[in-house]
Amino acid sequence: MAEKKIAKTTVKKSTTQKEVKKTSETKRFAPVADPKKEAIRKKFSGVVVSDKNDKTVVVLVERVKLDPKYKKRFTVSSRYKVHDEKNEFKTGDKVTFVECRPMSRDKRWRVIK
């Protein structure tokens, strides 16, 4: 009986070693992004509504949508908090902005022009 127990434990150890070898061979990593490649970013343009915050402007973006059933056009407006590093844009200015990394809870956009 002692011989059988030893045989079973050696069999289990050998199978676990085989499994480890298989998993290490099949392990693949995510492809690394090319540093020269530029990320595709969303780009919007709108009118500055508020510039009271420091290094932040609130931009109003209006889009025209079409009702799927009745085919009526209507405007949808969205307000975005956009990072303005130099505080150069004032209320009423037209700006273009792109998405970027989160800078605060609400601010995920950066002014281009």
PDB file of N, CA and C in Angstrom:
ATOM      1  N   MET A   1       0.817  -1.194   0.000  1.00  0.00           N
ATOM      2  CA  MET A   1       0.000   0.000   0.000  1.00  0.00           C
ATOM      3  C   MET A   1       0.863   1.261   0.000  1.00  0.00           C
ATOM      4  N   ALA A   2       1.942   1.220   0.690  1.00  0.00           N
ATOM      5  CA  ALA A   2       2.828   2.370   0.748  1.00  0.00           C
ATOM      6  C   ALA A   2       3.380   2.674  -0.645  1.00  0.00           C
ATOM      7  N   GLU A   3       3.660   1.637  -1.426  1.00  0.00           N
ATOM      8  CA  GLU A   3       4.171   1.839  -2.772  1.00  0.00           C
ATOM      9  C   GLU A   3       3.144   2.529  -3.661  1.00  0.00           C
ATOM     10  N   LYS A   4       1.869   2.185  -3.510  1.00  0.00           N
ATOM     11  CA  LYS A   4       0.820   2.794  -4.329  1.00  0.00           C
ATOM     12  C   LYS A   4       0.687   4.274  -4.008  1.00  0.00           C
ATOM     13  N   LYS A   5       0.754   4.625  -2.726  1.00  0.00           N
ATOM     14  CA  LYS A   5       0.622   6.029  -2.346  1.00  0.00           C
ATOM     15  C   LYS A   5       1.785   6.848  -2.914  1.00  0.00           C
ATOM     16  N   ILE A   6       2.949   6.292  -2.880  1.00  0.00           N
ATOM     17  CA  ILE A   6       4.106   6.984  -3.424  1.00  0.00           C
ATOM     18  C   ILE A   6       3.940   7.165  -4.934  1.00  0.00           C
ATOM     19  N   ALA A   7       3.457   6.144  -5.607  1.00  0.00           N
ATOM     20  CA  ALA A   7       3.263   6.225  -7.055  1.00  0.00           C
ATOM     21  C   ALA A   7       2.231   7.310  -7.396  1.00  0.00           C
ATOM     22  N   LYS A   8       1.149   7.411  -6.624  1.00  0.00           N
ATOM     23  CA  LYS A   8       0.109   8.418  -6.885  1.00  0.00           C
ATOM     24  C   LYS A   8       0.658   9.829  -6.689  1.00  0.00           C
ATOM     25  N   THR A   9       1.431  10.029  -5.639  1.00  0.00           N
ATOM     26  CA  THR A   9       1.954  11.373  -5.394  1.00  0.00           C
ATOM     27  C   THR A   9       2.940  11.780  -6.481  1.00  0.00           C
ATOM     28  N   THR A  10       3.763  10.848  -6.945  1.00  0.00           N
ATOM     29  CA  THR A  10       4.703  11.194  -8.006  1.00  0.00           C
ATOM     30  C   THR A  10       3.960  11.493  -9.306  1.00  0.00           C
ATOM     31  N   VAL A  11       2.877  10.784  -9.559  1.00  0.00           N
ATOM     32  CA  VAL A  11       2.097  11.036 -10.766  1.00  0.00           C
ATOM     33  C   VAL A  11       1.490  12.436 -10.685  1.00  0.00           C
ATOM     34  N   LYS A  12       0.962  12.807  -9.529  1.00  0.00           N
ATOM     35  CA  LYS A  12       0.359  14.128  -9.370  1.00  0.00           C
ATOM     36  C   LYS A  12       1.399  15.224  -9.552  1.00  0.00           C
ATOM     37  N   LYS A  13       2.575  15.017  -8.994  1.00  0.00           N
ATOM     38  CA  LYS A  13       3.616  16.030  -9.130  1.00  0.00           C
ATOM     39  C   LYS A  13       4.032  16.178 -10.588  1.00  0.00           C
ATOM     40  N   SER A  14       4.136  15.071 -11.284  1.00  0.00           N
ATOM     41  CA  SER A  14       4.567  15.153 -12.673  1.00  0.00           C
ATOM     42  C   SER A  14       3.491  15.830 -13.531  1.00  0.00           C
ATOM     43  N   THR A  15       2.217  15.614 -13.244  1.00  0.00           N
ATOM     44  CA  THR A  15       1.177  16.279 -14.039  1.00  0.00           C
ATOM     45  C   THR A  15       1.166  17.782 -13.767  1.00  0.00           C
ATOM     46  N   THR A  16       1.393  18.169 -12.515  1.00  0.00           N
ATOM     47  CA  THR A  16       1.394  19.609 -12.225  1.00  0.00           C
ATOM     48  C   THR A  16       2.582  20.281 -12.908  1.00  0.00           C
ATOM     49  N   GLN A  17       3.712  19.608 -12.970  1.00  0.00           N
ATOM     50  CA  GLN A  17       4.866  20.181 -13.646  1.00  0.00           C
ATOM     51  C   GLN A  17       4.583  20.328 -15.144  1.00  0.00           C
ATOM     52  N   LYS A  18       3.905  19.349 -15.728  1.00  0.00           N
ATOM     53  CA  LYS A  18       3.551  19.429 -17.134  1.00  0.00           C
ATOM     54  C   LYS A  18       2.586  20.586 -17.374  1.00  0.00           C
ATOM     55  N   GLU A  19       1.609  20.743 -16.469  1.00  0.00           N
ATOM     56  CA  GLU A  19       0.634  21.832 -16.612  1.00  0.00           C
ATOM     57  C   GLU A  19       1.326  23.188 -16.524  1.00  0.00           C
ATOM     58  N   VAL A  20       2.279  23.299 -15.615  1.00  0.00           N
ATOM     59  CA  VAL A  20       3.007  24.553 -15.473  1.00  0.00           C
ATOM     60  C   VAL A  20       3.778  24.855 -16.740  1.00  0.00           C
ATOM     61  N   LYS A  21       4.410  23.850 -17.328  1.00  0.00           N
ATOM     62  CA  LYS A  21       5.157  24.048 -18.568  1.00  0.00           C
ATOM     63  C   LYS A  21       4.229  24.485 -19.695  1.00  0.00           C
ATOM     64  N   LYS A  22       3.039  23.861 -19.786  1.00  0.00           N
ATOM     65  CA  LYS A  22       2.092  24.215 -20.841  1.00  0.00           C
ATOM     66  C   LYS A  22       1.628  25.656 -20.682  1.00  0.00           C
ATOM     67  N   THR A  23       1.288  26.053 -19.462  1.00  0.00           N
ATOM     68  CA  THR A  23       0.796  27.419 -19.254  1.00  0.00           C
ATOM     69  C   THR A  23       1.882  28.446 -19.521  1.00  0.00           C
ATOM     70  N   SER A  24       3.124  28.136 -19.155  1.00  0.00           N
ATOM     71  CA  SER A  24       4.192  29.103 -19.402  1.00  0.00           C
ATOM     72  C   SER A  24       4.482  29.222 -20.893  1.00  0.00           C
ATOM     73  N   GLU A  25       4.312  28.143 -21.644  1.00  0.00           N
ATOM     74  CA  GLU A  25       4.544  28.190 -23.075  1.00  0.00           C
ATOM     75  C   GLU A  25       3.441  28.966 -23.794  1.00  0.00           C
ATOM     76  N   THR A  26       2.200  28.842 -23.331  1.00  0.00           N
ATOM     77  CA  THR A  26       1.076  29.491 -24.008  1.00  0.00           C
ATOM     78  C   THR A  26       0.814  30.902 -23.511  1.00  0.00           C
ATOM     79  N   LYS A  27       1.516  31.362 -22.500  1.00  0.00           N
ATOM     80  CA  LYS A  27       1.299  32.700 -21.970  1.00  0.00           C
ATOM     81  C   LYS A  27       1.749  33.737 -22.999  1.00  0.00           C
ATOM     82  N   ARG A  28       0.815  34.667 -23.324  1.00  0.00           N
ATOM     83  CA  ARG A  28       1.122  35.703 -24.291  1.00  0.00           C
ATOM     84  C   ARG A  28       0.815  37.048 -23.670  1.00  0.00           C
ATOM     85  N   PHE A  29       1.575  38.026 -24.075  1.00  0.00           N
ATOM     86  CA  PHE A  29       1.391  39.370 -23.556  1.00  0.00           C
ATOM     87  C   PHE A  29       0.705  40.235 -24.601  1.00  0.00           C
ATOM     88  N   ALA A  30       0.067  41.296 -24.147  1.00  0.00           N
ATOM     89  CA  ALA A  30      -0.596  42.226 -25.062  1.00  0.00           C
ATOM     90  C   ALA A  30       0.449  42.908 -25.933  1.00  0.00           C
ATOM     91  N   PRO A  31       0.093  43.199 -27.179  1.00  0.00           N
ATOM     92  CA  PRO A  31       1.067  43.857 -28.056  1.00  0.00           C
ATOM     93  C   PRO A  31       1.393  45.256 -27.546  1.00  0.00           C
ATOM     94  N   VAL A  32       2.631  45.617 -27.676  1.00  0.00           N
ATOM     95  CA  VAL A  32       3.095  46.924 -27.207  1.00  0.00           C
ATOM     96  C   VAL A  32       2.782  47.960 -28.276  1.00  0.00           C
ATOM     97  N   ALA A  33       2.231  49.102 -27.857  1.00  0.00           N
ATOM     98  CA  ALA A  33       1.883  50.160 -28.800  1.00  0.00           C
ATOM     99  C   ALA A  33       3.150  50.811 -29.347  1.00  0.00           C
ATOM    100  N   ASP A  34       3.111  51.145 -30.601  1.00  0.00           N
ATOM    101  CA  ASP A  34       4.235  51.809 -31.242  1.00  0.00           C
ATOM    102  C   ASP A  34       4.311  53.249 -30.734  1.00  0.00           C
ATOM    103  N   PRO A  35       5.445  53.692 -30.194  1.00  0.00           N
ATOM    104  CA  PRO A  35       5.516  55.040 -29.635  1.00  0.00           C
ATOM    105  C   PRO A  35       5.347  56.145 -30.679  1.00  0.00           C
ATOM    106  N   LYS A  36       5.623  55.869 -31.936  1.00  0.00           N
ATOM    107  CA  LYS A  36       5.473  56.859 -32.989  1.00  0.00           C
ATOM    108  C   LYS A  36       4.014  57.047 -33.385  1.00  0.00           C
ATOM    109  N   LYS A  37       3.182  56.040 -33.111  1.00  0.00           N
ATOM    110  CA  LYS A  37       1.790  56.073 -33.499  1.00  0.00           C
ATOM    111  C   LYS A  37       1.013  57.016 -32.588  1.00  0.00           C
ATOM    112  N   GLU A  38       0.201  57.880 -33.172  1.00  0.00           N
ATOM    113  CA  GLU A  38      -0.587  58.823 -32.383  1.00  0.00           C
ATOM    114  C   GLU A  38      -1.970  58.240 -32.135  1.00  0.00           C
ATOM    115  N   ALA A  39      -2.495  58.428 -30.917  1.00  0.00           N
ATOM    116  CA  ALA A  39      -3.790  57.884 -30.556  1.00  0.00           C
ATOM    117  C   ALA A  39      -4.906  58.627 -31.286  1.00  0.00           C
ATOM    118  N   ILE A  40      -5.962  57.905 -31.613  1.00  0.00           N
ATOM    119  CA  ILE A  40      -7.138  58.522 -32.222  1.00  0.00           C
ATOM    120  C   ILE A  40      -7.949  59.138 -31.101  1.00  0.00           C
ATOM    121  N   ARG A  41      -8.176  60.454 -31.193  1.00  0.00           N
ATOM    122  CA  ARG A  41      -8.865  61.166 -30.118  1.00  0.00           C
ATOM    123  C   ARG A  41     -10.091  61.857 -30.654  1.00  0.00           C
ATOM    124  N   LYS A  42     -11.116  61.968 -29.813  1.00  0.00           N
ATOM    125  CA  LYS A  42     -12.317  62.701 -30.177  1.00  0.00           C
ATOM    126  C   LYS A  42     -12.003  64.185 -30.230  1.00  0.00           C
ATOM    127  N   LYS A  43     -12.652  64.875 -31.157  1.00  0.00           N
ATOM    128  CA  LYS A  43     -12.373  66.287 -31.359  1.00  0.00           C
ATOM    129  C   LYS A  43     -13.702  67.029 -31.506  1.00  0.00           C
ATOM    130  N   PHE A  44     -13.901  68.073 -30.715  1.00  0.00           N
ATOM    131  CA  PHE A  44     -15.121  68.861 -30.765  1.00  0.00           C
ATOM    132  C   PHE A  44     -14.782  70.334 -30.896  1.00  0.00           C
ATOM    133  N   SER A  45     -15.763  71.110 -31.313  1.00  0.00           N
ATOM    134  CA  SER A  45     -15.613  72.560 -31.312  1.00  0.00           C
ATOM    135  C   SER A  45     -16.902  73.166 -30.788  1.00  0.00           C
ATOM    136  N   GLY A  46     -16.765  74.299 -30.095  1.00  0.00           N
ATOM    137  CA  GLY A  46     -17.925  74.940 -29.509  1.00  0.00           C
ATOM    138  C   GLY A  46     -17.596  76.344 -29.044  1.00  0.00           C
ATOM    139  N   VAL A  47     -18.506  76.916 -28.262  1.00  0.00           N
ATOM    140  CA  VAL A  47     -18.382  78.290 -27.796  1.00  0.00           C
ATOM    141  C   VAL A  47     -18.156  78.285 -26.290  1.00  0.00           C
ATOM    142  N   VAL A  48     -17.213  79.121 -25.830  1.00  0.00           N
ATOM    143  CA  VAL A  48     -16.929  79.224 -24.391  1.00  0.00           C
ATOM    144  C   VAL A  48     -18.107  79.924 -23.717  1.00  0.00           C
ATOM    145  N   VAL A  49     -18.653  79.281 -22.687  1.00  0.00           N
ATOM    146  CA  VAL A  49     -19.789  79.818 -21.945  1.00  0.00           C
ATOM    147  C   VAL A  49     -19.323  80.464 -20.648  1.00  0.00           C
ATOM    148  N   SER A  50     -18.302  79.872 -20.012  1.00  0.00           N
ATOM    149  CA  SER A  50     -17.808  80.384 -18.736  1.00  0.00           C
ATOM    150  C   SER A  50     -16.296  80.258 -18.673  1.00  0.00           C
ATOM    151  N   ASP A  51     -15.637  81.287 -18.123  1.00  0.00           N
ATOM    152  CA  ASP A  51     -14.191  81.246 -17.930  1.00  0.00           C
ATOM    153  C   ASP A  51     -13.825  81.649 -16.507  1.00  0.00           C
ATOM    154  N   LYS A  52     -14.724  81.440 -15.568  1.00  0.00           N
ATOM    155  CA  LYS A  52     -14.509  81.876 -14.186  1.00  0.00           C
ATOM    156  C   LYS A  52     -13.516  80.996 -13.427  1.00  0.00           C
ATOM    157  N   ASN A  53     -13.399  79.732 -13.829  1.00  0.00           N
ATOM    158  CA  ASN A  53     -12.471  78.831 -13.137  1.00  0.00           C
ATOM    159  C   ASN A  53     -11.039  79.081 -13.595  1.00  0.00           C
ATOM    160  N   ASP A  54     -10.088  78.733 -12.730  1.00  0.00           N
ATOM    161  CA  ASP A  54      -8.678  78.892 -13.063  1.00  0.00           C
ATOM    162  C   ASP A  54      -8.235  77.745 -13.952  1.00  0.00           C
ATOM    163  N   LYS A  55      -7.681  78.058 -15.120  1.00  0.00           N
ATOM    164  CA  LYS A  55      -7.178  77.087 -16.097  1.00  0.00           C
ATOM    165  C   LYS A  55      -8.265  76.151 -16.627  1.00  0.00           C
ATOM    166  N   THR A  56      -9.520  76.579 -16.531  1.00  0.00           N
ATOM    167  CA  THR A  56     -10.630  75.773 -17.024  1.00  0.00           C
ATOM    168  C   THR A  56     -11.653  76.683 -17.690  1.00  0.00           C
ATOM    169  N   VAL A  57     -12.158  76.243 -18.841  1.00  0.00           N
ATOM    170  CA  VAL A  57     -13.264  76.938 -19.483  1.00  0.00           C
ATOM    171  C   VAL A  57     -14.389  75.930 -19.706  1.00  0.00           C
ATOM    172  N   VAL A  58     -15.621  76.413 -19.652  1.00  0.00           N
ATOM    173  CA  VAL A  58     -16.778  75.566 -19.931  1.00  0.00           C
ATOM    174  C   VAL A  58     -17.209  75.870 -21.357  1.00  0.00           C
ATOM    175  N   VAL A  59     -17.280  74.814 -22.190  1.00  0.00           N
ATOM    176  CA  VAL A  59     -17.581  74.977 -23.610  1.00  0.00           C
ATOM    177  C   VAL A  59     -18.914  74.313 -23.920  1.00  0.00           C
ATOM    178  N   LEU A  60     -19.762  75.034 -24.652  1.00  0.00           N
ATOM    179  CA  LEU A  60     -21.059  74.527 -25.073  1.00  0.00           C
ATOM    180  C   LEU A  60     -20.938  74.014 -26.498  1.00  0.00           C
ATOM    181  N   VAL A  61     -21.262  72.733 -26.700  1.00  0.00           N
ATOM    182  CA  VAL A  61     -21.207  72.110 -28.019  1.00  0.00           C
ATOM    183  C   VAL A  61     -22.634  71.762 -28.420  1.00  0.00           C
ATOM    184  N   GLU A  62     -23.065  72.245 -29.581  1.00  0.00           N
ATOM    185  CA  GLU A  62     -24.410  71.959 -30.070  1.00  0.00           C
ATOM    186  C   GLU A  62     -24.320  71.071 -31.304  1.00  0.00           C
ATOM    187  N   ARG A  63     -25.159  70.034 -31.315  1.00  0.00           N
ATOM    188  CA  ARG A  63     -25.235  69.103 -32.437  1.00  0.00           C
ATOM    189  C   ARG A  63     -26.675  69.039 -32.919  1.00  0.00           C
ATOM    190  N   VAL A  64     -26.865  68.794 -34.201  1.00  0.00           N
ATOM    191  CA  VAL A  64     -28.204  68.622 -34.762  1.00  0.00           C
ATOM    192  C   VAL A  64     -28.445  67.124 -34.910  1.00  0.00           C
ATOM    193  N   LYS A  65     -29.534  66.656 -34.313  1.00  0.00           N
ATOM    194  CA  LYS A  65     -29.898  65.239 -34.412  1.00  0.00           C
ATOM    195  C   LYS A  65     -31.193  65.108 -35.179  1.00  0.00           C
ATOM    196  N   LEU A  66     -31.450  63.908 -35.653  1.00  0.00           N
ATOM    197  CA  LEU A  66     -32.642  63.631 -36.434  1.00  0.00           C
ATOM    198  C   LEU A  66     -33.478  62.588 -35.701  1.00  0.00           C
ATOM    199  N   ASP A  67     -34.758  62.861 -35.522  1.00  0.00           N
ATOM    200  CA  ASP A  67     -35.639  61.893 -34.877  1.00  0.00           C
ATOM    201  C   ASP A  67     -35.836  60.706 -35.813  1.00  0.00           C
ATOM    202  N   PRO A  68     -35.634  59.472 -35.316  1.00  0.00           N
ATOM    203  CA  PRO A  68     -35.676  58.317 -36.219  1.00  0.00           C
ATOM    204  C   PRO A  68     -37.063  58.059 -36.828  1.00  0.00           C
ATOM    205  N   LYS A  69     -38.114  58.358 -36.079  1.00  0.00           N
ATOM    206  CA  LYS A  69     -39.460  58.064 -36.576  1.00  0.00           C
ATOM    207  C   LYS A  69     -40.043  59.213 -37.396  1.00  0.00           C
ATOM    208  N   TYR A  70     -39.992  60.408 -36.842  1.00  0.00           N
ATOM    209  CA  TYR A  70     -40.658  61.542 -37.474  1.00  0.00           C
ATOM    210  C   TYR A  70     -39.739  62.375 -38.365  1.00  0.00           C
ATOM    211  N   LYS A  71     -38.440  62.083 -38.360  1.00  0.00           N
ATOM    212  CA  LYS A  71     -37.455  62.773 -39.202  1.00  0.00           C
ATOM    213  C   LYS A  71     -37.369  64.268 -38.917  1.00  0.00           C
ATOM    214  N   LYS A  72     -37.701  64.675 -37.716  1.00  0.00           N
ATOM    215  CA  LYS A  72     -37.593  66.078 -37.346  1.00  0.00           C
ATOM    216  C   LYS A  72     -36.202  66.337 -36.792  1.00  0.00           C
ATOM    217  N   ARG A  73     -35.625  67.485 -37.153  1.00  0.00           N
ATOM    218  CA  ARG A  73     -34.305  67.858 -36.651  1.00  0.00           C
ATOM    219  C   ARG A  73     -34.460  68.647 -35.367  1.00  0.00           C
ATOM    220  N   PHE A  74     -33.539  68.388 -34.426  1.00  0.00           N
ATOM    221  CA  PHE A  74     -33.526  69.141 -33.179  1.00  0.00           C
ATOM    222  C   PHE A  74     -32.092  69.245 -32.689  1.00  0.00           C
ATOM    223  N   THR A  75     -31.813  70.294 -31.900  1.00  0.00           N
ATOM    224  CA  THR A  75     -30.445  70.512 -31.421  1.00  0.00           C
ATOM    225  C   THR A  75     -30.277  69.894 -30.041  1.00  0.00           C
ATOM    226  N   VAL A  76     -29.126  69.291 -29.860  1.00  0.00           N
ATOM    227  CA  VAL A  76     -28.746  68.722 -28.563  1.00  0.00           C
ATOM    228  C   VAL A  76     -27.487  69.450 -28.125  1.00  0.00           C
ATOM    229  N   SER A  77     -27.486  69.992 -26.918  1.00  0.00           N
ATOM    230  CA  SER A  77     -26.313  70.721 -26.451  1.00  0.00           C
ATOM    231  C   SER A  77     -25.682  69.998 -25.279  1.00  0.00           C
ATOM    232  N   SER A  78     -24.350  70.065 -25.223  1.00  0.00           N
ATOM    233  CA  SER A  78     -23.584  69.448 -24.136  1.00  0.00           C
ATOM    234  C   SER A  78     -22.562  70.459 -23.648  1.00  0.00           C
ATOM    235  N   ARG A  79     -22.316  70.453 -22.353  1.00  0.00           N
ATOM    236  CA  ARG A  79     -21.317  71.347 -21.767  1.00  0.00           C
ATOM    237  C   ARG A  79     -20.129  70.513 -21.316  1.00  0.00           C
ATOM    238  N   TYR A  80     -18.927  70.929 -21.720  1.00  0.00           N
ATOM    239  CA  TYR A  80     -17.695  70.237 -21.371  1.00  0.00           C
ATOM    240  C   TYR A  80     -16.779  71.178 -20.609  1.00  0.00           C
ATOM    241  N   LYS A  81     -16.140  70.659 -19.560  1.00  0.00           N
ATOM    242  CA  LYS A  81     -15.106  71.419 -18.863  1.00  0.00           C
ATOM    243  C   LYS A  81     -13.784  71.085 -19.527  1.00  0.00           C
ATOM    244  N   VAL A  82     -13.121  72.128 -20.042  1.00  0.00           N
ATOM    245  CA  VAL A  82     -11.941  71.958 -20.882  1.00  0.00           C
ATOM    246  C   VAL A  82     -10.756  72.659 -20.237  1.00  0.00           C
ATOM    247  N   HIS A  83      -9.579  72.018 -20.289  1.00  0.00           N
ATOM    248  CA  HIS A  83      -8.365  72.574 -19.698  1.00  0.00           C
ATOM    249  C   HIS A  83      -7.785  73.660 -20.593  1.00  0.00           C
ATOM    250  N   ASP A  84      -7.580  74.854 -20.014  1.00  0.00           N
ATOM    251  CA  ASP A  84      -6.996  75.995 -20.718  1.00  0.00           C
ATOM    252  C   ASP A  84      -5.795  76.464 -19.891  1.00  0.00           C
ATOM    253  N   GLU A  85      -4.611  76.001 -20.241  1.00  0.00           N
ATOM    254  CA  GLU A  85      -3.411  76.203 -19.427  1.00  0.00           C
ATOM    255  C   GLU A  85      -3.082  77.680 -19.187  1.00  0.00           C
ATOM    256  N   LYS A  86      -3.226  78.519 -20.205  1.00  0.00           N
ATOM    257  CA  LYS A  86      -2.786  79.916 -20.093  1.00  0.00           C
ATOM    258  C   LYS A  86      -3.919  80.892 -19.793  1.00  0.00           C
ATOM    259  N   ASN A  87      -5.121  80.410 -19.572  1.00  0.00           N
ATOM    260  CA  ASN A  87      -6.302  81.260 -19.342  1.00  0.00           C
ATOM    261  C   ASN A  87      -6.462  82.297 -20.455  1.00  0.00           C
ATOM    262  N   GLU A  88      -6.279  81.874 -21.709  1.00  0.00           N
ATOM    263  CA  GLU A  88      -6.311  82.818 -22.822  1.00  0.00           C
ATOM    264  C   GLU A  88      -7.693  82.964 -23.458  1.00  0.00           C
ATOM    265  N   PHE A  89      -8.614  82.039 -23.249  1.00  0.00           N
ATOM    266  CA  PHE A  89      -9.925  82.093 -23.885  1.00  0.00           C
ATOM    267  C   PHE A  89     -10.953  82.719 -22.957  1.00  0.00           C
ATOM    268  N   LYS A  90     -11.782  83.596 -23.529  1.00  0.00           N
ATOM    269  CA  LYS A  90     -12.804  84.307 -22.762  1.00  0.00           C
ATOM    270  C   LYS A  90     -14.189  83.891 -23.238  1.00  0.00           C
ATOM    271  N   THR A  91     -15.214  84.307 -22.521  1.00  0.00           N
ATOM    272  CA  THR A  91     -16.593  83.979 -22.864  1.00  0.00           C
ATOM    273  C   THR A  91     -16.915  84.477 -24.266  1.00  0.00           C
ATOM    274  N   GLY A  92     -17.523  83.597 -25.086  1.00  0.00           N
ATOM    275  CA  GLY A  92     -17.902  83.946 -26.451  1.00  0.00           C
ATOM    276  C   GLY A  92     -16.913  83.487 -27.502  1.00  0.00           C
ATOM    277  N   ASP A  93     -15.713  83.080 -27.120  1.00  0.00           N
ATOM    278  CA  ASP A  93     -14.707  82.616 -28.086  1.00  0.00           C
ATOM    279  C   ASP A  93     -15.075  81.240 -28.617  1.00  0.00           C
ATOM    280  N   LYS A  94     -14.772  81.007 -29.899  1.00  0.00           N
ATOM    281  CA  LYS A  94     -14.956  79.680 -30.481  1.00  0.00           C
ATOM    282  C   LYS A  94     -13.665  78.899 -30.282  1.00  0.00           C
ATOM    283  N   VAL A  95     -13.767  77.684 -29.737  1.00  0.00           N
ATOM    284  CA  VAL A  95     -12.587  76.867 -29.456  1.00  0.00           C
ATOM    285  C   VAL A  95     -12.767  75.464 -30.022  1.00  0.00           C
ATOM    286  N   THR A  96     -11.646  74.802 -30.261  1.00  0.00           N
ATOM    287  CA  THR A  96     -11.602  73.400 -30.663  1.00  0.00           C
ATOM    288  C   THR A  96     -10.828  72.659 -29.582  1.00  0.00           C
ATOM    289  N   PHE A  97     -11.346  71.485 -29.183  1.00  0.00           N
ATOM    290  CA  PHE A  97     -10.677  70.745 -28.116  1.00  0.00           C
ATOM    291  C   PHE A  97     -10.721  69.256 -28.385  1.00  0.00           C
ATOM    292  N   VAL A  98      -9.747  68.545 -27.779  1.00  0.00           N
ATOM    293  CA  VAL A  98      -9.624  67.093 -27.940  1.00  0.00           C
ATOM    294  C   VAL A  98      -9.617  66.429 -26.578  1.00  0.00           C
ATOM    295  N   GLU A  99      -9.877  65.123 -26.598  1.00  0.00           N
ATOM    296  CA  GLU A  99      -9.857  64.391 -25.335  1.00  0.00           C
ATOM    297  C   GLU A  99      -8.428  64.139 -24.889  1.00  0.00           C
ATOM    298  N   CYS A 100      -8.240  63.979 -23.576  1.00  0.00           N
ATOM    299  CA  CYS A 100      -6.920  63.705 -23.019  1.00  0.00           C
ATOM    300  C   CYS A 100      -7.110  62.904 -21.732  1.00  0.00           C
ATOM    301  N   ARG A 101      -6.040  62.704 -21.010  1.00  0.00           N
ATOM    302  CA  ARG A 101      -6.135  61.960 -19.757  1.00  0.00           C
ATOM    303  C   ARG A 101      -6.968  62.763 -18.753  1.00  0.00           C
ATOM    304  N   PRO A 102      -7.581  62.110 -17.778  1.00  0.00           N
ATOM    305  CA  PRO A 102      -8.367  62.843 -16.785  1.00  0.00           C
ATOM    306  C   PRO A 102      -7.490  63.776 -15.953  1.00  0.00           C
ATOM    307  N   MET A 103      -7.883  65.042 -15.885  1.00  0.00           N
ATOM    308  CA  MET A 103      -7.154  66.030 -15.096  1.00  0.00           C
ATOM    309  C   MET A 103      -7.852  66.311 -13.780  1.00  0.00           C
ATOM    310  N   SER A 104      -9.140  66.054 -13.729  1.00  0.00           N
ATOM    311  CA  SER A 104      -9.910  66.177 -12.489  1.00  0.00           C
ATOM    312  C   SER A 104     -11.147  65.302 -12.640  1.00  0.00           C
ATOM    313  N   ARG A 105     -12.093  65.476 -11.736  1.00  0.00           N
ATOM    314  CA  ARG A 105     -13.293  64.636 -11.769  1.00  0.00           C
ATOM    315  C   ARG A 105     -14.092  64.861 -13.049  1.00  0.00           C
ATOM    316  N   ASP A 106     -14.192  66.112 -13.492  1.00  0.00           N
ATOM    317  CA  ASP A 106     -15.004  66.437 -14.659  1.00  0.00           C
ATOM    318  C   ASP A 106     -14.184  66.784 -15.901  1.00  0.00           C
ATOM    319  N   LYS A 107     -12.939  67.113 -15.734  1.00  0.00           N
ATOM    320  CA  LYS A 107     -12.132  67.651 -16.832  1.00  0.00           C
ATOM    321  C   LYS A 107     -11.335  66.541 -17.511  1.00  0.00           C
ATOM    322  N   ARG A 108     -11.716  66.239 -18.785  1.00  0.00           N
ATOM    323  CA  ARG A 108     -11.030  65.224 -19.572  1.00  0.00           C
ATOM    324  C   ARG A 108     -10.758  65.718 -20.984  1.00  0.00           C
ATOM    325  N   TRP A 109     -10.689  67.045 -21.160  1.00  0.00           N
ATOM    326  CA  TRP A 109     -10.533  67.652 -22.471  1.00  0.00           C
ATOM    327  C   TRP A 109      -9.461  68.736 -22.402  1.00  0.00           C
ATOM    328  N   ARG A 110      -8.808  69.011 -23.549  1.00  0.00           N
ATOM    329  CA  ARG A 110      -7.750  70.002 -23.616  1.00  0.00           C
ATOM    330  C   ARG A 110      -7.958  70.886 -24.849  1.00  0.00           C
ATOM    331  N   VAL A 111      -7.803  72.195 -24.697  1.00  0.00           N
ATOM    332  CA  VAL A 111      -8.011  73.147 -25.769  1.00  0.00           C
ATOM    333  C   VAL A 111      -6.880  73.059 -26.787  1.00  0.00           C
ATOM    334  N   ILE A 112      -7.222  73.105 -28.086  1.00  0.00           N
ATOM    335  CA  ILE A 112      -6.217  73.159 -29.148  1.00  0.00           C
ATOM    336  C   ILE A 112      -6.138  74.589 -29.687  1.00  0.00           C
ATOM    337  N   LYS A 113      -7.274  75.114 -30.150  1.00  0.00           N
ATOM    338  CA  LYS A 113      -7.329  76.454 -30.743  1.00  0.00           C
ATOM    339  C   LYS A 113      -8.466  77.241 -30.136  1.00  0.00           C
TER     340      LYS A 113
END
